[in-house]
């Protein structure tokens, strides 16, 4: 069958996104075919489109962008029953696998997660990448403990609202930074005990003030260049700075002696290594869904765009005009 897709022939700005028709065959052994109802829109897609550093492996063009989506299985390839009997025609699922900007597609069954009752396809399609990222950041890379203070940059963004809610549910005191006064209410409504407008306030001084001069145990930084080095001054001894995104640009080389006095740690992780194993993917998704169904994390879709308007969606996401998660609708 023929289906709509968004593809790039070369790296560049939003103008390189083009709508094309591609052929989708029957699923091969170990694959399922999904008719998508929601495709996630993430800043990682912008990294991929630009050809800059990010969570995607280097790819040669032409390439279909994106890595997450959700929908209904409409065909099952040979051997899928042995991988997961829950994957059958008519089952609602979400997945994490390259090539998401496409209305219908085949995907390896081991990258697919059945959706439990109470988790919609739209919500899963929009937020799975962010939810899985929050799971490893909060539960595996730096397991958050009750009583800790944490700093979440871009706290009103799609990742920030999930991190802040979940960290608060784990018992942390959550300090969030935002880039405008308008976003402060969003951050407060999604788990932050303290919110700082970093454009009008010194976020280092305010973070230390909020922690009685002690600093935070961990910084969750998706901004990168503009905030990374000052964030080190927000940490308490033995603290960790985690840079998991670079919306303002890559973090450049810095003097390691900045870490010495307080025995600080720095990490630059990416989701794909934490869910490379199918069992880790399923465990991470199960923890996310449990947090949502338990009322600890509220997943919301803030923006919806037709797939054909992917260019506009990229422009608005890149300009930081969006709040919360966004989704492309085939």
Foldseek 3Di string as FASTA:
>chain_A
DKWKFWWAQAADALVRTDIDIDDADAAAAQKFKFQFFWAADDVQQNCQRNVHDAQDDRDHDGFTTGFKAKGFTQHHYPPNCVVPVQRDGGFIKMFGGGRRRIRMHMDRSLRIETDDPPQDRHLCNFCVQLLLVLLCVCPPPPPAAAPFEEEEEQLQAANNLQNQLQSVVRHYAYEYEHQDPVSQVSNVVRHHPHYHNVVVDVVQVVLCVVVVNQAGQEYEAQQADVCQLSNLSRHHAQHEYEHAHHLPHHHDDDDPVSCVPRVYYYYHDYSCVQPVDSVSSHVSVVVSVCCCVVPSHPGDEFEEAESNVVSVVSVCVSVVVTGHTYIYGD
